[in-house]
Structures are given as structure tokens and as C-alpha cells.
């Protein structure tokens, strides 16, 4: 599975054993058992803006936040941050947009938060570099564990189907 290629061989082997023994669902449900209640674009925007105002007060404004039902299929991404620049008269105007895959409407809040934190970090840091991941960890200290667990969830979905309804 491509989800785990950047992880150590030990982690990959452990996950492959979990897959072989069909233990992904049991693992995920033992850690995360309820899906969040942010199901509309409006509630998602409020959630994103709360996190932004908590951690990135002085960063550029975000003009749009929404769930996108085409995102995972089209771009093979779970969320996107788009920075759009337009000329308006003699000024250059920029807008930040955050789109979260609609598949994250029915997941534990920790998974949604991890994706939101990732996309918010792109408001300040465009590349996946050391500063980017440091910012992610500042906003969410257990970011790396949750990123791995979201990847495990993606494998569960692909191989065995949905577990959060």
C-alpha cells in the first residue's frame, strides 16, 4: 500500500500483519469510536476558523472552507489548501481556500482535526518541510501518530470498508 511507504520497515511489517489478520478495524475502534458532528460546510468553517484563530491569528485570512466530494477521487488528496492571486486594479489580491474531502464527514474528530491542521499549516508554510511539520506539531502535539492512524483508516476503507457511520 502506498499509504505507508515513507514509514520504517518495522511499522510497515506491523501494519501488514494487522491487514493480514483483519485487525485494522479493531485497532481503530479501540482508539477512536465516535464520528464528529461537523457535517456541513458552515460547521466545518467554524471549526477551521476556531483552530486558525487559536494558532494562526496573524496569518492570511481564509476566504473559503468546504467539504469537497470530488477531492479524494480527483486529486488523490484528503484536503487541499489553495492560494489564489488575482489582479484587482493596481493591487494583487490573494485568497486562501481550504477544501476537505467529504469522506471526512464521518470520521472521529481527531482525524478531521489532523487534516485541518495540515491544511492550516499550508497557510504559513507552502512546502512539506521541517518548518511545516513543526507547525503541525505545535497545533497538534500528536500530529504524527494521527497522520499514521488516518493512513491506517484509509487502508481500512480501501480493503474492508467504512467503520464510522
N, C-alpha and C. Protein backbone atom coordinates (compact mmCIF):
# COMPACT_ATOMS: atom_id res chain seq x y z
N UNK A 1 0.83 -1.18 0.00
CA UNK A 1 0.00 0.00 0.00
C UNK A 1 0.88 1.25 0.00
N UNK A 2 0.49 2.20 -0.80
CA UNK A 2 1.25 3.45 -0.90
C UNK A 2 1.16 4.32 0.35
N UNK A 3 0.18 4.08 1.19
CA UNK A 3 -0.01 4.91 2.38
C UNK A 3 1.16 4.84 3.35
N UNK A 4 1.94 3.78 3.31
CA UNK A 4 2.94 3.54 4.35
C UNK A 4 4.37 3.50 3.84
N UNK A 5 4.60 3.89 2.60
CA UNK A 5 5.93 3.79 2.01
C UNK A 5 6.98 4.64 2.72
N UNK A 6 6.59 5.74 3.33
CA UNK A 6 7.58 6.61 3.99
C UNK A 6 7.88 6.17 5.42
N UNK A 7 7.23 5.12 5.88
CA UNK A 7 7.45 4.65 7.25
C UNK A 7 8.51 3.55 7.28
N UNK A 8 9.03 3.31 8.48
CA UNK A 8 10.08 2.29 8.65
C UNK A 8 9.54 0.91 8.27
N UNK A 9 10.45 0.01 7.99
CA UNK A 9 10.06 -1.37 7.65
C UNK A 9 9.33 -2.04 8.82
N UNK A 10 9.73 -1.71 10.05
CA UNK A 10 9.06 -2.29 11.21
C UNK A 10 7.58 -1.88 11.25
N UNK A 11 7.33 -0.61 11.02
CA UNK A 11 5.94 -0.13 11.01
C UNK A 11 5.18 -0.76 9.85
N UNK A 12 5.80 -0.80 8.67
CA UNK A 12 5.15 -1.41 7.51
C UNK A 12 4.82 -2.87 7.78
N UNK A 13 5.75 -3.60 8.37
CA UNK A 13 5.52 -5.02 8.67
C UNK A 13 4.39 -5.19 9.68
N UNK A 14 4.38 -4.34 10.70
CA UNK A 14 3.32 -4.41 11.71
C UNK A 14 1.94 -4.15 11.08
N UNK A 15 1.86 -3.15 10.23
CA UNK A 15 0.59 -2.83 9.57
C UNK A 15 0.18 -3.95 8.62
N UNK A 16 1.15 -4.52 7.90
CA UNK A 16 0.83 -5.64 7.01
C UNK A 16 0.29 -6.83 7.79
N UNK A 17 0.83 -7.07 8.99
CA UNK A 17 0.31 -8.15 9.84
C UNK A 17 -1.13 -7.83 10.28
N UNK A 18 -1.37 -6.58 10.62
CA UNK A 18 -2.73 -6.17 11.00
C UNK A 18 -3.68 -6.37 9.83
N UNK A 19 -3.23 -6.05 8.64
CA UNK A 19 -4.06 -6.23 7.43
C UNK A 19 -4.34 -7.72 7.22
N UNK A 20 -3.29 -8.52 7.27
CA UNK A 20 -3.45 -9.97 7.06
C UNK A 20 -4.41 -10.59 8.07
N UNK A 21 -4.37 -10.10 9.30
CA UNK A 21 -5.24 -10.65 10.36
C UNK A 21 -6.55 -9.87 10.50
N UNK A 22 -6.78 -8.95 9.57
CA UNK A 22 -8.01 -8.12 9.57
C UNK A 22 -8.23 -7.45 10.93
N UNK A 23 -7.18 -6.79 11.42
CA UNK A 23 -7.24 -6.14 12.72
C UNK A 23 -7.25 -4.61 12.64
N UNK A 24 -7.32 -4.05 11.43
CA UNK A 24 -7.31 -2.59 11.31
C UNK A 24 -8.51 -1.98 12.02
N UNK A 25 -9.69 -2.53 11.77
CA UNK A 25 -10.91 -2.01 12.37
C UNK A 25 -10.84 -2.07 13.90
N UNK A 26 -10.40 -3.19 14.43
CA UNK A 26 -10.29 -3.36 15.88
C UNK A 26 -9.32 -2.33 16.46
N UNK A 27 -8.20 -2.14 15.80
CA UNK A 27 -7.21 -1.15 16.24
C UNK A 27 -7.81 0.26 16.27
N UNK A 28 -8.46 0.64 15.18
CA UNK A 28 -9.03 1.99 15.08
C UNK A 28 -10.15 2.21 16.08
N UNK A 29 -11.05 1.24 16.20
CA UNK A 29 -12.17 1.39 17.14
C UNK A 29 -11.73 1.38 18.60
N UNK A 30 -10.58 0.77 18.89
CA UNK A 30 -10.08 0.79 20.27
C UNK A 30 -9.55 2.18 20.64
N UNK A 31 -9.19 2.98 19.65
CA UNK A 31 -8.65 4.32 19.90
C UNK A 31 -9.66 5.44 19.61
N UNK A 32 -10.48 5.23 18.61
CA UNK A 32 -11.39 6.28 18.14
C UNK A 32 -12.75 5.62 17.86
N UNK A 33 -13.77 6.00 18.61
CA UNK A 33 -15.02 5.27 18.41
C UNK A 33 -16.21 6.12 17.96
N UNK A 34 -16.13 7.42 17.97
CA UNK A 34 -17.27 8.23 17.55
C UNK A 34 -16.88 9.19 16.43
N UNK A 35 -17.82 9.42 15.52
CA UNK A 35 -17.55 10.42 14.48
C UNK A 35 -17.99 11.79 14.98
N UNK A 36 -17.38 12.81 14.42
CA UNK A 36 -17.65 14.20 14.82
C UNK A 36 -19.01 14.67 14.30
N UNK A 37 -19.38 15.89 14.67
CA UNK A 37 -20.68 16.43 14.30
C UNK A 37 -20.58 17.60 13.30
N UNK A 38 -19.41 17.80 12.70
CA UNK A 38 -19.22 18.91 11.75
C UNK A 38 -19.53 18.42 10.35
N UNK A 39 -20.81 18.37 10.00
CA UNK A 39 -21.22 17.75 8.74
C UNK A 39 -21.56 18.73 7.63
N UNK A 40 -21.66 20.00 7.94
CA UNK A 40 -21.99 21.00 6.91
C UNK A 40 -20.77 21.88 6.65
N UNK A 41 -20.78 22.56 5.52
CA UNK A 41 -19.70 23.48 5.21
C UNK A 41 -19.61 24.59 6.24
N UNK A 42 -20.76 25.05 6.73
CA UNK A 42 -20.79 26.12 7.72
C UNK A 42 -20.14 25.67 9.03
N UNK A 43 -20.50 24.48 9.51
CA UNK A 43 -19.92 23.99 10.76
C UNK A 43 -18.43 23.68 10.58
N UNK A 44 -18.04 23.20 9.39
CA UNK A 44 -16.61 22.97 9.11
C UNK A 44 -15.86 24.29 9.14
N UNK A 45 -16.42 25.32 8.50
CA UNK A 45 -15.77 26.64 8.50
C UNK A 45 -15.58 27.16 9.93
N UNK A 46 -16.61 27.03 10.77
CA UNK A 46 -16.49 27.47 12.15
C UNK A 46 -15.39 26.70 12.88
N UNK A 47 -15.31 25.39 12.63
CA UNK A 47 -14.28 24.55 13.24
C UNK A 47 -12.88 24.99 12.79
N UNK A 48 -12.71 25.19 11.49
CA UNK A 48 -11.42 25.61 10.94
C UNK A 48 -11.03 26.98 11.48
N UNK A 49 -11.97 27.90 11.51
CA UNK A 49 -11.66 29.26 11.96
C UNK A 49 -11.32 29.29 13.45
N UNK A 50 -11.94 28.42 14.25
CA UNK A 50 -11.59 28.32 15.66
C UNK A 50 -10.14 27.91 15.82
N UNK A 51 -9.73 26.89 15.08
CA UNK A 51 -8.33 26.45 15.14
C UNK A 51 -7.39 27.51 14.59
N UNK A 52 -7.77 28.14 13.49
CA UNK A 52 -6.93 29.20 12.91
C UNK A 52 -6.74 30.34 13.90
N UNK A 53 -7.82 30.77 14.53
CA UNK A 53 -7.74 31.88 15.48
C UNK A 53 -6.95 31.52 16.73
N UNK A 54 -6.92 30.25 17.05
CA UNK A 54 -6.16 29.80 18.21
C UNK A 54 -4.66 29.76 17.92
N UNK A 55 -4.28 29.32 16.73
CA UNK A 55 -2.87 29.08 16.44
C UNK A 55 -2.25 30.01 15.39
N UNK A 56 -3.04 30.55 14.50
CA UNK A 56 -2.51 31.35 13.39
C UNK A 56 -3.21 32.70 13.29
N UNK A 57 -3.30 33.40 14.39
CA UNK A 57 -4.06 34.65 14.43
C UNK A 57 -3.62 35.66 13.39
N UNK A 58 -2.32 35.78 13.19
CA UNK A 58 -1.79 36.82 12.30
C UNK A 58 -1.57 36.35 10.87
N UNK A 59 -2.01 35.17 10.54
CA UNK A 59 -1.81 34.65 9.18
C UNK A 59 -2.87 35.23 8.24
N UNK A 60 -2.67 34.98 6.98
CA UNK A 60 -3.59 35.48 5.95
C UNK A 60 -5.00 34.95 6.19
N UNK A 61 -6.02 35.72 5.83
CA UNK A 61 -7.40 35.25 6.01
C UNK A 61 -7.73 34.08 5.09
N UNK A 62 -8.72 33.32 5.48
CA UNK A 62 -9.19 32.20 4.67
C UNK A 62 -10.56 32.59 4.11
N UNK A 63 -10.67 32.57 2.80
CA UNK A 63 -11.90 33.05 2.17
C UNK A 63 -12.95 31.96 2.02
N UNK A 64 -12.53 30.71 1.92
CA UNK A 64 -13.50 29.63 1.71
C UNK A 64 -13.04 28.37 2.43
N UNK A 65 -14.00 27.69 3.06
CA UNK A 65 -13.77 26.40 3.70
C UNK A 65 -14.95 25.53 3.33
N UNK A 66 -14.69 24.32 2.83
CA UNK A 66 -15.81 23.44 2.47
C UNK A 66 -15.38 21.99 2.40
N UNK A 67 -16.37 21.12 2.47
CA UNK A 67 -16.17 19.71 2.16
C UNK A 67 -16.26 19.58 0.63
N UNK A 68 -15.44 18.72 0.07
CA UNK A 68 -15.42 18.53 -1.38
C UNK A 68 -15.60 17.04 -1.67
N UNK A 69 -16.70 16.66 -2.31
CA UNK A 69 -16.96 15.24 -2.56
C UNK A 69 -16.18 14.68 -3.73
N UNK A 70 -15.45 15.50 -4.47
CA UNK A 70 -14.64 15.01 -5.58
C UNK A 70 -13.16 14.94 -5.24
N UNK A 71 -12.78 15.48 -4.11
CA UNK A 71 -11.37 15.66 -3.80
C UNK A 71 -10.56 14.38 -3.79
N UNK A 72 -10.97 13.38 -3.06
CA UNK A 72 -10.18 12.15 -2.94
C UNK A 72 -10.04 11.45 -4.29
N UNK A 73 -11.09 11.46 -5.07
CA UNK A 73 -11.07 10.77 -6.36
C UNK A 73 -10.24 11.54 -7.39
N UNK A 74 -10.41 12.85 -7.44
CA UNK A 74 -9.77 13.64 -8.49
C UNK A 74 -8.29 13.87 -8.22
N UNK A 75 -7.94 14.33 -7.04
CA UNK A 75 -6.56 14.73 -6.76
C UNK A 75 -5.81 13.73 -5.91
N UNK A 76 -6.45 12.66 -5.51
CA UNK A 76 -5.86 11.69 -4.61
C UNK A 76 -5.33 12.38 -3.36
N UNK A 77 -6.12 13.32 -2.85
CA UNK A 77 -5.75 14.10 -1.67
C UNK A 77 -6.91 14.06 -0.68
N UNK A 78 -6.57 14.28 0.59
CA UNK A 78 -7.59 14.28 1.63
C UNK A 78 -8.07 15.69 1.93
N UNK A 79 -7.24 16.64 1.60
CA UNK A 79 -7.58 18.04 1.77
C UNK A 79 -6.67 18.87 0.90
N UNK A 80 -7.09 20.07 0.58
CA UNK A 80 -6.22 20.96 -0.20
C UNK A 80 -6.28 22.36 0.37
N UNK A 81 -5.16 23.02 0.25
CA UNK A 81 -5.09 24.44 0.55
C UNK A 81 -4.74 25.10 -0.78
N UNK A 82 -5.55 26.04 -1.20
CA UNK A 82 -5.32 26.73 -2.47
C UNK A 82 -5.04 28.19 -2.18
N UNK A 83 -4.00 28.69 -2.79
CA UNK A 83 -3.63 30.09 -2.68
C UNK A 83 -3.82 30.69 -4.06
N UNK A 84 -4.79 31.59 -4.18
CA UNK A 84 -5.14 32.16 -5.47
C UNK A 84 -4.79 33.64 -5.47
N UNK A 85 -4.03 34.09 -6.48
CA UNK A 85 -3.70 35.51 -6.61
C UNK A 85 -4.40 36.06 -7.83
N UNK A 86 -5.01 37.23 -7.66
CA UNK A 86 -5.70 37.89 -8.77
C UNK A 86 -5.34 39.37 -8.76
N UNK A 87 -5.27 39.94 -9.94
CA UNK A 87 -5.04 41.38 -10.06
C UNK A 87 -6.39 42.07 -10.02
N UNK A 88 -6.53 43.00 -9.09
CA UNK A 88 -7.74 43.80 -8.99
C UNK A 88 -7.31 45.27 -9.03
N UNK A 89 -7.47 45.89 -10.20
CA UNK A 89 -7.00 47.26 -10.39
C UNK A 89 -5.49 47.28 -10.36
N UNK A 90 -4.92 48.07 -9.48
CA UNK A 90 -3.46 48.14 -9.37
C UNK A 90 -2.93 47.28 -8.24
N UNK A 91 -3.81 46.48 -7.59
CA UNK A 91 -3.39 45.66 -6.46
C UNK A 91 -3.48 44.17 -6.79
N UNK A 92 -2.62 43.43 -6.14
CA UNK A 92 -2.64 41.98 -6.25
C UNK A 92 -3.35 41.44 -5.02
N UNK A 93 -4.50 40.81 -5.21
CA UNK A 93 -5.29 40.24 -4.12
C UNK A 93 -5.07 38.74 -4.07
N UNK A 94 -4.91 38.21 -2.87
CA UNK A 94 -4.75 36.76 -2.73
C UNK A 94 -5.83 36.21 -1.81
N UNK A 95 -6.20 34.97 -2.08
CA UNK A 95 -7.21 34.28 -1.28
C UNK A 95 -6.69 32.90 -0.93
N UNK A 96 -7.01 32.49 0.28
CA UNK A 96 -6.70 31.14 0.73
C UNK A 96 -8.00 30.36 0.83
N UNK A 97 -8.02 29.15 0.28
CA UNK A 97 -9.18 28.28 0.37
C UNK A 97 -8.74 26.94 0.94
N UNK A 98 -9.58 26.37 1.78
CA UNK A 98 -9.33 25.04 2.33
C UNK A 98 -10.51 24.16 1.95
N UNK A 99 -10.20 23.04 1.31
CA UNK A 99 -11.21 22.04 0.95
C UNK A 99 -10.81 20.72 1.61
N UNK A 100 -11.78 20.11 2.26
CA UNK A 100 -11.56 18.84 2.96
C UNK A 100 -12.39 17.77 2.25
N UNK A 101 -11.79 16.63 2.01
CA UNK A 101 -12.52 15.55 1.36
C UNK A 101 -13.80 15.21 2.13
N UNK A 102 -14.89 15.05 1.40
CA UNK A 102 -16.19 14.75 2.02
C UNK A 102 -16.15 13.44 2.80
N UNK A 103 -15.20 12.57 2.51
CA UNK A 103 -15.10 11.32 3.27
C UNK A 103 -14.80 11.59 4.75
N UNK A 104 -14.37 12.81 5.08
CA UNK A 104 -14.08 13.16 6.47
C UNK A 104 -15.30 13.70 7.21
N UNK A 105 -16.48 13.57 6.59
CA UNK A 105 -17.71 13.93 7.30
C UNK A 105 -18.07 12.88 8.34
N UNK A 106 -17.61 11.66 8.16
CA UNK A 106 -17.98 10.55 9.05
C UNK A 106 -16.75 9.88 9.63
N UNK A 107 -15.94 10.64 10.32
CA UNK A 107 -14.74 10.10 10.96
C UNK A 107 -14.65 10.70 12.36
N UNK A 108 -13.80 10.13 13.20
CA UNK A 108 -13.58 10.73 14.52
C UNK A 108 -13.03 12.16 14.37
N UNK A 109 -13.34 13.01 15.33
CA UNK A 109 -12.90 14.40 15.27
C UNK A 109 -11.38 14.51 15.18
N UNK A 110 -10.66 13.60 15.80
CA UNK A 110 -9.20 13.64 15.75
C UNK A 110 -8.69 13.56 14.31
N UNK A 111 -9.35 12.74 13.48
CA UNK A 111 -8.94 12.61 12.08
C UNK A 111 -9.21 13.91 11.32
N UNK A 112 -10.39 14.47 11.54
CA UNK A 112 -10.72 15.74 10.89
C UNK A 112 -9.74 16.82 11.34
N UNK A 113 -9.46 16.87 12.62
CA UNK A 113 -8.53 17.88 13.14
C UNK A 113 -7.16 17.74 12.51
N UNK A 114 -6.69 16.51 12.33
CA UNK A 114 -5.37 16.30 11.72
C UNK A 114 -5.34 16.86 10.31
N UNK A 115 -6.39 16.62 9.53
CA UNK A 115 -6.44 17.13 8.16
C UNK A 115 -6.52 18.66 8.17
N UNK A 116 -7.34 19.21 9.05
CA UNK A 116 -7.48 20.67 9.14
C UNK A 116 -6.16 21.31 9.55
N UNK A 117 -5.50 20.74 10.55
CA UNK A 117 -4.20 21.26 10.99
C UNK A 117 -3.21 21.23 9.83
N UNK A 118 -3.20 20.14 9.08
CA UNK A 118 -2.31 20.02 7.92
C UNK A 118 -2.58 21.15 6.92
N UNK A 119 -3.83 21.36 6.59
CA UNK A 119 -4.16 22.40 5.61
C UNK A 119 -3.93 23.80 6.16
N UNK A 120 -4.19 24.02 7.44
CA UNK A 120 -3.90 25.32 8.04
C UNK A 120 -2.40 25.62 8.04
N UNK A 121 -1.60 24.59 8.27
CA UNK A 121 -0.14 24.79 8.25
C UNK A 121 0.32 25.29 6.88
N UNK A 122 -0.39 24.89 5.83
CA UNK A 122 -0.04 25.36 4.48
C UNK A 122 -0.32 26.85 4.29
N UNK A 123 -1.13 27.45 5.14
CA UNK A 123 -1.36 28.89 5.05
C UNK A 123 -0.04 29.62 5.31
N UNK A 124 0.76 29.09 6.24
CA UNK A 124 2.05 29.71 6.57
C UNK A 124 3.22 29.07 5.82
N UNK A 125 3.20 27.77 5.68
CA UNK A 125 4.31 27.03 5.05
C UNK A 125 3.77 26.28 3.85
N UNK A 126 4.20 26.65 2.66
CA UNK A 126 3.66 26.04 1.44
C UNK A 126 4.18 24.62 1.22
N UNK A 127 5.42 24.35 1.60
CA UNK A 127 6.04 23.05 1.33
C UNK A 127 5.99 22.14 2.55
N UNK A 128 6.09 20.84 2.31
CA UNK A 128 6.18 19.86 3.39
C UNK A 128 7.64 19.80 3.85
N UNK A 129 8.04 20.78 4.62
CA UNK A 129 9.42 20.82 5.10
C UNK A 129 9.44 20.76 6.63
N UNK A 130 10.62 20.93 7.20
CA UNK A 130 10.77 20.82 8.65
C UNK A 130 9.90 21.86 9.38
N UNK A 131 9.86 23.09 8.87
CA UNK A 131 9.05 24.15 9.49
C UNK A 131 7.57 23.80 9.42
N UNK A 132 7.15 23.21 8.32
CA UNK A 132 5.75 22.81 8.15
C UNK A 132 5.35 21.80 9.22
N UNK A 133 6.14 20.73 9.38
CA UNK A 133 5.79 19.69 10.35
C UNK A 133 5.94 20.18 11.79
N UNK A 134 6.86 21.11 12.03
CA UNK A 134 6.99 21.71 13.35
C UNK A 134 5.73 22.50 13.70
N UNK A 135 5.19 23.23 12.72
CA UNK A 135 3.94 23.97 12.92
C UNK A 135 2.77 23.01 13.17
N UNK A 136 2.71 21.93 12.41
CA UNK A 136 1.66 20.92 12.62
C UNK A 136 1.72 20.39 14.05
N UNK A 137 2.93 20.08 14.53
CA UNK A 137 3.07 19.56 15.89
C UNK A 137 2.76 20.61 16.94
N UNK A 138 3.04 21.87 16.64
CA UNK A 138 2.68 22.94 17.56
C UNK A 138 1.15 23.00 17.74
N UNK A 139 0.43 22.88 16.63
CA UNK A 139 -1.03 22.93 16.69
C UNK A 139 -1.63 21.64 17.23
N UNK A 140 -0.93 20.53 17.02
CA UNK A 140 -1.45 19.22 17.43
C UNK A 140 -0.25 18.35 17.81
N UNK A 141 0.09 18.30 19.10
CA UNK A 141 1.31 17.58 19.53
C UNK A 141 1.39 16.13 19.05
N UNK A 142 0.26 15.44 18.92
CA UNK A 142 0.27 14.04 18.46
C UNK A 142 0.00 13.94 16.96
N UNK A 143 0.36 14.97 16.21
CA UNK A 143 0.10 15.03 14.77
C UNK A 143 0.61 13.79 14.03
N UNK A 144 1.84 13.38 14.28
CA UNK A 144 2.43 12.28 13.51
C UNK A 144 1.71 10.95 13.76
N UNK A 145 1.31 10.71 15.02
CA UNK A 145 0.55 9.48 15.31
C UNK A 145 -0.79 9.51 14.61
N UNK A 146 -1.44 10.66 14.62
CA UNK A 146 -2.74 10.76 13.96
C UNK A 146 -2.61 10.65 12.45
N UNK A 147 -1.54 11.17 11.90
CA UNK A 147 -1.32 11.02 10.46
C UNK A 147 -1.20 9.54 10.10
N UNK A 148 -0.47 8.79 10.90
CA UNK A 148 -0.35 7.34 10.68
C UNK A 148 -1.72 6.67 10.84
N UNK A 149 -2.47 7.04 11.86
CA UNK A 149 -3.78 6.42 12.08
C UNK A 149 -4.76 6.77 10.96
N UNK A 150 -4.67 7.96 10.41
CA UNK A 150 -5.52 8.31 9.25
C UNK A 150 -5.13 7.44 8.05
N UNK A 151 -3.86 7.18 7.89
CA UNK A 151 -3.42 6.30 6.81
C UNK A 151 -3.93 4.86 7.04
N UNK A 152 -3.92 4.43 8.29
CA UNK A 152 -4.47 3.11 8.61
C UNK A 152 -5.96 3.09 8.30
N UNK A 153 -6.65 4.17 8.61
CA UNK A 153 -8.07 4.27 8.28
C UNK A 153 -8.29 4.20 6.77
N UNK A 154 -7.44 4.87 6.00
CA UNK A 154 -7.55 4.84 4.54
C UNK A 154 -7.37 3.40 4.03
N UNK A 155 -6.44 2.68 4.61
CA UNK A 155 -6.24 1.28 4.23
C UNK A 155 -7.47 0.46 4.58
N UNK A 156 -8.03 0.70 5.77
CA UNK A 156 -9.26 0.01 6.19
C UNK A 156 -10.37 0.26 5.18
N UNK A 157 -10.56 1.51 4.80
CA UNK A 157 -11.60 1.85 3.82
C UNK A 157 -11.40 1.13 2.50
N UNK A 158 -10.18 1.17 2.03
CA UNK A 158 -9.87 0.58 0.72
C UNK A 158 -10.04 -0.93 0.73
N UNK A 159 -9.60 -1.58 1.81
CA UNK A 159 -9.60 -3.03 1.85
C UNK A 159 -10.90 -3.65 2.39
N UNK A 160 -11.47 -3.03 3.42
CA UNK A 160 -12.56 -3.68 4.14
C UNK A 160 -13.82 -2.83 4.26
N UNK A 161 -13.76 -1.57 3.95
CA UNK A 161 -14.95 -0.72 4.01
C UNK A 161 -15.00 0.18 5.22
N UNK A 162 -16.05 0.99 5.24
CA UNK A 162 -16.24 2.02 6.26
C UNK A 162 -16.56 1.42 7.62
N UNK A 163 -16.07 2.08 8.67
CA UNK A 163 -16.37 1.62 10.04
C UNK A 163 -17.08 2.70 10.87
N UNK A 164 -17.00 3.94 10.48
CA UNK A 164 -17.66 5.03 11.21
C UNK A 164 -18.88 5.46 10.40
N UNK A 165 -20.03 5.48 11.03
CA UNK A 165 -21.26 5.84 10.31
C UNK A 165 -21.92 7.03 10.93
